[in-house]
Structures are given as C-alpha cells and as structure tokens.
Protein backbone atom coordinates (compact mmCIF):
# COMPACT_ATOMS: atom_id res chain seq x y z
CA UNK A 1 -119.46 150.31 -3.59
CA UNK A 2 -122.09 150.02 -6.30
CA UNK A 3 -125.74 149.81 -5.25
CA UNK A 4 -125.96 146.26 -6.59
CA UNK A 5 -122.96 145.24 -4.48
CA UNK A 6 -124.55 146.70 -1.35
CA UNK A 7 -127.79 144.85 -2.06
CA UNK A 8 -125.83 141.63 -2.56
CA UNK A 9 -124.05 142.15 0.75
CA UNK A 10 -127.34 142.90 2.48
CA UNK A 11 -128.86 139.70 1.11
CA UNK A 12 -125.95 137.60 2.38
CA UNK A 13 -125.61 139.32 5.76
CA UNK A 14 -129.33 139.11 6.50
CA UNK A 15 -129.35 135.39 5.80
CA UNK A 16 -126.34 134.84 8.07
CA UNK A 17 -127.96 136.94 10.79
CA UNK A 18 -131.18 134.90 10.73
CA UNK A 19 -129.16 131.67 10.77
CA UNK A 20 -127.27 132.79 13.88
CA UNK A 21 -130.45 133.91 15.65
CA UNK A 22 -132.08 130.57 14.84
CA UNK A 23 -129.20 128.67 16.46
CA UNK A 24 -128.62 130.94 19.47
CA UNK A 25 -130.36 130.96 22.83
CA UNK A 26 -132.82 133.89 22.59
CA UNK A 27 -131.91 134.83 26.17
CA UNK A 28 -128.14 134.86 25.50
CA UNK A 29 -126.45 138.23 26.11
CA UNK A 30 -125.01 140.18 23.18
CA UNK A 31 -121.38 141.04 24.06
CA UNK A 32 -121.22 144.41 22.28
CA UNK A 33 -124.70 145.43 23.49
CA UNK A 34 -124.65 144.43 27.17
CA UNK A 35 -128.27 145.43 27.83
CA UNK A 36 -129.56 143.24 24.99
CA UNK A 37 -130.32 139.58 24.58
CA UNK A 38 -130.35 137.81 21.22
CA UNK A 39 -134.12 138.28 21.14
CA UNK A 40 -133.70 142.03 21.66
CA UNK A 41 -131.14 142.12 18.86
CA UNK A 42 -133.41 140.20 16.51
CA UNK A 43 -136.37 142.43 17.30
CA UNK A 44 -134.26 145.52 16.69
CA UNK A 45 -132.92 144.50 13.29
CA UNK A 46 -136.22 143.06 12.11
CA UNK A 47 -137.88 146.36 13.03
CA UNK A 48 -135.20 148.41 11.29
CA UNK A 49 -135.52 146.36 8.09
CA UNK A 50 -139.26 147.03 7.97
CA UNK A 51 -138.73 150.69 8.84
CA UNK A 52 -136.26 151.14 5.97
CA UNK A 53 -138.57 149.29 3.59
CA UNK A 54 -141.29 151.82 4.34
CA UNK A 55 -139.14 154.75 3.19
CA UNK A 56 -138.14 152.96 0.00
CA UNK A 57 -141.56 151.60 -0.98
CA UNK A 58 -143.59 154.64 -0.03
CA UNK A 59 -141.09 157.39 -0.82
CA UNK A 60 -141.55 158.88 2.63
CA UNK A 61 -140.13 162.39 2.74
CA UNK A 62 -140.37 162.95 6.50
CA UNK A 63 -138.47 161.08 9.21
CA UNK A 64 -140.30 158.67 11.50
CA UNK A 65 -138.77 156.65 14.28
CA UNK A 66 -138.54 152.86 13.99
CA UNK A 67 -141.50 151.33 15.80
CA UNK A 68 -141.69 147.69 16.79
CA UNK A 69 -144.46 146.05 14.75
CA UNK A 70 -147.52 144.90 16.71
CA UNK A 71 -147.37 141.36 18.01
CA UNK A 72 -143.59 140.90 17.82
CA UNK A 73 -143.21 140.78 21.60
CA UNK A 74 -145.61 137.82 21.66
CA UNK A 75 -143.87 135.85 18.89
CA UNK A 76 -142.67 132.43 20.11
CA UNK A 77 -138.89 132.13 20.01
CA UNK A 78 -139.02 129.61 17.17
CA UNK A 79 -140.84 132.14 14.98
CA UNK A 80 -138.23 134.89 15.34
CA UNK A 81 -135.99 133.69 12.51
CA UNK A 82 -138.86 133.31 10.00
CA UNK A 83 -140.07 136.80 10.96
CA UNK A 84 -136.56 138.14 10.37
CA UNK A 85 -136.29 136.44 6.99
CA UNK A 86 -139.64 137.84 5.92
CA UNK A 87 -138.69 141.44 6.72
CA UNK A 88 -135.22 141.04 5.27
CA UNK A 89 -136.67 139.67 2.04
CA UNK A 90 -139.09 142.59 1.76
CA UNK A 91 -136.21 145.04 2.17
CA UNK A 92 -134.02 143.36 -0.45
CA UNK A 93 -136.92 143.25 -2.89
CA UNK A 94 -137.79 146.91 -2.24
CA UNK A 95 -134.22 147.97 -2.99
CA UNK A 96 -133.97 145.80 -6.10
CA UNK A 97 -137.23 147.15 -7.54
CA UNK A 98 -136.79 150.81 -6.53
CA UNK A 99 -136.27 153.34 -9.34
CA UNK A 100 -132.86 154.95 -9.74
CA UNK A 101 -134.45 158.34 -9.05
CA UNK A 102 -136.07 157.21 -5.79
CA UNK A 103 -136.90 160.23 -3.64
CA UNK A 104 -137.26 159.75 0.12
CA UNK A 105 -135.80 160.82 3.46
CA UNK A 106 -132.20 159.95 4.34
CA UNK A 107 -129.91 160.96 7.19
CA UNK A 108 -126.40 160.76 5.71
CA UNK A 109 -124.97 162.32 2.56
CA UNK A 110 -125.07 159.91 -0.39
CA UNK A 111 -125.13 159.99 -4.19
CA UNK A 112 -128.86 159.17 -4.06
CA UNK A 113 -131.50 157.95 -1.58
CA UNK A 114 -131.30 154.50 -3.15
CA UNK A 115 -127.54 154.40 -2.68
CA UNK A 116 -127.95 155.58 0.92
CA UNK A 117 -130.48 152.94 1.95
CA UNK A 118 -128.67 150.08 0.20
CA UNK A 119 -125.38 150.99 1.85
CA UNK A 120 -126.80 151.79 5.28
CA UNK A 121 -128.84 148.61 5.56
CA UNK A 122 -125.96 146.45 4.33
CA UNK A 123 -123.69 147.74 7.09
CA UNK A 124 -126.41 147.82 9.75
CA UNK A 125 -127.06 144.17 9.04
CA UNK A 126 -123.40 143.19 8.85
CA UNK A 127 -122.52 144.71 12.21
CA UNK A 128 -125.48 143.06 13.91
CA UNK A 129 -124.68 139.76 12.20
CA UNK A 130 -121.34 139.97 14.03
CA UNK A 131 -123.30 140.57 17.24
CA UNK A 132 -125.49 137.52 16.67
CA UNK A 133 -122.55 135.25 15.86
CA UNK A 134 -120.66 136.55 18.90
CA UNK A 135 -123.65 135.79 21.14
CA UNK A 136 -123.82 132.32 19.61
CA UNK A 137 -120.11 131.81 20.24
CA UNK A 138 -119.56 130.96 16.59
CA UNK A 139 -116.63 132.02 14.40
CA UNK A 140 -117.33 135.31 12.68
CA UNK A 141 -118.27 135.03 9.02
CA UNK A 142 -115.85 136.90 6.75
CA UNK A 143 -116.45 140.20 5.00
CA UNK A 144 -114.59 141.34 1.92
CA UNK A 145 -111.93 143.98 2.36
CA UNK A 146 -113.75 146.28 -0.07
CA UNK A 147 -117.01 146.02 1.90
CA UNK A 148 -115.19 146.65 5.18
CA UNK A 149 -113.42 149.71 3.75
CA UNK A 150 -116.76 151.06 2.55
CA UNK A 151 -118.15 150.61 6.06
CA UNK A 152 -115.22 152.48 7.59
CA UNK A 153 -115.84 155.32 5.18
CA UNK A 154 -119.54 155.49 6.08
CA UNK A 155 -118.71 155.49 9.79
CA UNK A 156 -115.94 158.10 9.71
CA UNK A 157 -117.25 160.45 7.00
CA UNK A 158 -120.95 159.98 7.74
CA UNK A 159 -121.70 159.08 11.35
CA UNK A 160 -118.74 160.67 13.11
CA UNK A 161 -119.40 164.30 12.02
CA UNK A 162 -123.08 163.96 13.00
CA UNK A 163 -122.13 163.25 16.61
CA UNK A 164 -120.27 166.54 16.98
CA UNK A 165 -117.01 167.29 18.73
CA UNK A 166 -116.19 164.65 21.36
CA UNK A 167 -116.15 166.07 24.88
CA UNK A 168 -112.74 167.34 25.88
CA UNK A 169 -111.38 167.71 22.34
CA UNK A 170 -112.81 171.16 21.55
CA UNK A 171 -110.11 172.93 23.58
CA UNK A 172 -107.35 170.47 22.64
CA UNK A 173 -107.96 169.15 19.11
CA UNK A 174 -106.30 165.91 18.11
CA UNK A 175 -106.01 163.89 14.90
CA UNK A 176 -106.19 160.16 14.27
CA UNK A 177 -105.06 158.60 11.01
CA UNK A 178 -106.76 155.34 10.03
CA UNK A 179 -104.97 153.24 7.41
CA UNK A 180 -105.95 149.89 5.90
CA UNK A 181 -103.09 147.49 5.26
CA UNK A 182 -104.93 145.48 2.61
CA UNK A 183 -106.93 148.02 0.57
CA UNK A 184 -104.67 150.39 -1.36
CA UNK A 185 -105.56 154.02 -0.77
CA UNK A 186 -108.07 153.25 1.99
CA UNK A 187 -107.07 155.81 4.61
CA UNK A 188 -108.75 158.59 6.56
CA UNK A 189 -107.65 161.42 8.81
CA UNK A 190 -110.10 162.07 11.63
CA UNK A 191 -110.14 165.48 13.29
CA UNK A 192 -111.11 165.33 16.95
CA UNK A 193 -111.95 168.98 17.34
CA UNK A 194 -114.47 171.61 16.34
CA UNK A 195 -115.88 170.85 13.82
CA UNK A 196 -115.64 167.09 14.03
CA UNK A 197 -114.80 165.75 10.58
CA UNK A 198 -112.91 163.12 8.64
CA UNK A 199 -111.07 163.40 5.34
CA UNK A 200 -110.20 160.64 2.91
CA UNK A 201 -106.57 160.47 1.92
CA UNK A 202 -103.56 158.21 1.84
CA UNK A 203 -101.43 160.39 4.11
CA UNK A 204 -102.28 163.22 6.52
CA UNK A 205 -100.94 166.67 5.72
CA UNK A 206 -99.52 166.97 9.24
CA UNK A 207 -98.27 164.36 11.69
CA UNK A 208 -101.30 162.80 13.46
CA UNK A 209 -101.44 162.28 17.19
CA UNK A 210 -102.28 158.60 16.73
CA UNK A 211 -102.31 156.11 13.86
CA UNK A 212 -104.60 153.07 13.55
CA UNK A 213 -103.41 150.36 11.17
CA UNK A 214 -104.92 146.98 10.38
CA UNK A 215 -106.79 145.03 7.78
CA UNK A 216 -109.96 146.70 6.57
CA UNK A 217 -111.99 143.99 8.32
CA UNK A 218 -110.25 144.53 11.67
CA UNK A 219 -110.50 148.31 11.40
CA UNK A 220 -114.18 148.05 10.50
CA UNK A 221 -115.03 145.91 13.49
CA UNK A 222 -112.77 147.79 15.93
CA UNK A 223 -114.19 151.18 14.92
CA UNK A 224 -117.69 149.78 15.44
CA UNK A 225 -116.50 148.57 18.88
CA UNK A 226 -116.83 144.90 17.89
CA UNK A 227 -113.11 144.17 18.29
CA UNK A 228 -110.67 145.52 20.89
CA UNK A 229 -108.16 148.19 19.92
CA UNK A 230 -105.49 145.64 20.80
CA UNK A 231 -106.33 143.86 17.55
CA UNK A 232 -105.00 146.89 15.63
CA UNK A 233 -101.52 148.34 15.39
CA UNK A 234 -101.52 151.68 17.20
CA UNK A 235 -98.68 154.18 17.06
CA UNK A 236 -98.31 157.63 18.53
CA UNK A 237 -100.35 158.66 21.57
CA UNK A 238 -102.50 155.64 22.39
CA UNK A 239 -104.35 157.63 25.06
CA UNK A 240 -106.00 159.61 22.24
CA UNK A 241 -107.28 156.37 20.72
CA UNK A 242 -108.61 155.14 24.04
CA UNK A 243 -110.29 158.45 24.82
CA UNK A 244 -111.92 158.68 21.41
CA UNK A 245 -113.24 155.13 21.75
CA UNK A 246 -114.76 155.97 25.13
CA UNK A 247 -116.51 159.06 23.78
CA UNK A 248 -117.52 158.03 20.27
CA UNK A 249 -120.07 155.25 20.46
CA UNK A 250 -121.51 154.76 16.95
C-alpha cells in the first residue's frame, strides 16, 4: 500500500478505536488479550502512538521502549478517549508532515522509515480497534481486502521471521500455504523450519503440509489470533495449523 493509503487507514482506525473505548466499560475484559481490560488496551495504544510519534518527529536513531506517559494512570475514565484522540492526531500529523527521506529507527524491513511507521501504526491500530469493538460487543467495522492483504504480508514476511523457528519445527520442518480468495495473487508460503521465513507467491513450489484459505479480512484476523481457525478453510494436516497457532503469538 502507498504511504498515503496507510495514513488514511490509520486516521480511520484510530477514530473507530477511540469511539469504541468511549462506549465500552473501561473494566471490560478484552477477549484476545485476556489479561487486559479496555482501559489497559487504551493505555497501551495511546502510549504506542506517542512512542511512534517521537521517532518520526525527532528522527530518533536508537530504539527506546514505549513508556506510559506520566499521569495516564490517574486519568478519569471519561478522559481516556480524548487522550487517545490527542495522541492519534499527533501521530497522523507527524506522518503527514514528515519528509520523504525521513531517517529514524525501525524494526522491520521497509522501503523507507516513513513507509514503515505509516504501515506499522495503521495495522497496530486496526488490530486493537478489533479488540476494542470485541470488548464492547459491537459488530466489527470492515477493512478493505487490500488493507487486510497488506497486513498479512507484514505479519508473515516481517514479524514471523523475527520470532525465529517455532519450537518443535527445527527437526521436522513444515510448510503452510496462505491464500486469499478475494485478492488476486495474494498468497504466501510459510516455512516452519530453520530459518523461519515466508515467501510471496501464488502457488508453492512443493506441496505444502497445510493450506489456509479465506477472504483477506478473515485471514488477517485469524493470523492475528482475532478469529478462530474454524473461520478459514483448512486443508492438509490441520494439526500443523493448530501447532503453529499455539507457538506463534504475534
């Protein structure tokens, strides 16, 4: 996706996230993050937005961990959503005004630091927007198939290799083929072995052990553990799919 498209998605997803937080019980549990309440989720994403903004605005070259801003723990519940909107707005504005040749720290391969931060924050926000709507018990807002396919690509080609070989697959490598049914050419072959890697391609060169098929949206959410595998069409050895899901927690 183009940088401008990622910024547009971030703008929309951040607004939907704040809306859901505003309507939800701050003490409600977050289904995909069982140790978190809605307030924990809001604090996390609001902190991450400000953390990312710092790299973009200041051109920080060295990594620093996200740190909860002072005073957030004492914010009244009714002030959480305005605090979220403030940080989200600062992030969107930082990305929109950043130079094309922005130089700062990143942690996944990307065409540029600006492309990295726009894409990463769009998907970070989208996934947590799903969390907030799930905690609220509201229908999930839609995502475009193109955006979902981009998120699958970031997850499989970016995050998955960073985690290393899943336990148990080094001695017995396996392959999983992931195929979108609504985005032509959106397919990936994931190698569960040493090294852990994923390759883009419409068809694997050898028969995979397991195949995941579904809409880009369903694949996106299932691979981020926001939908059950039962919502996908699985063929081949389903035990490989279940084992990978247990071991790979993005």
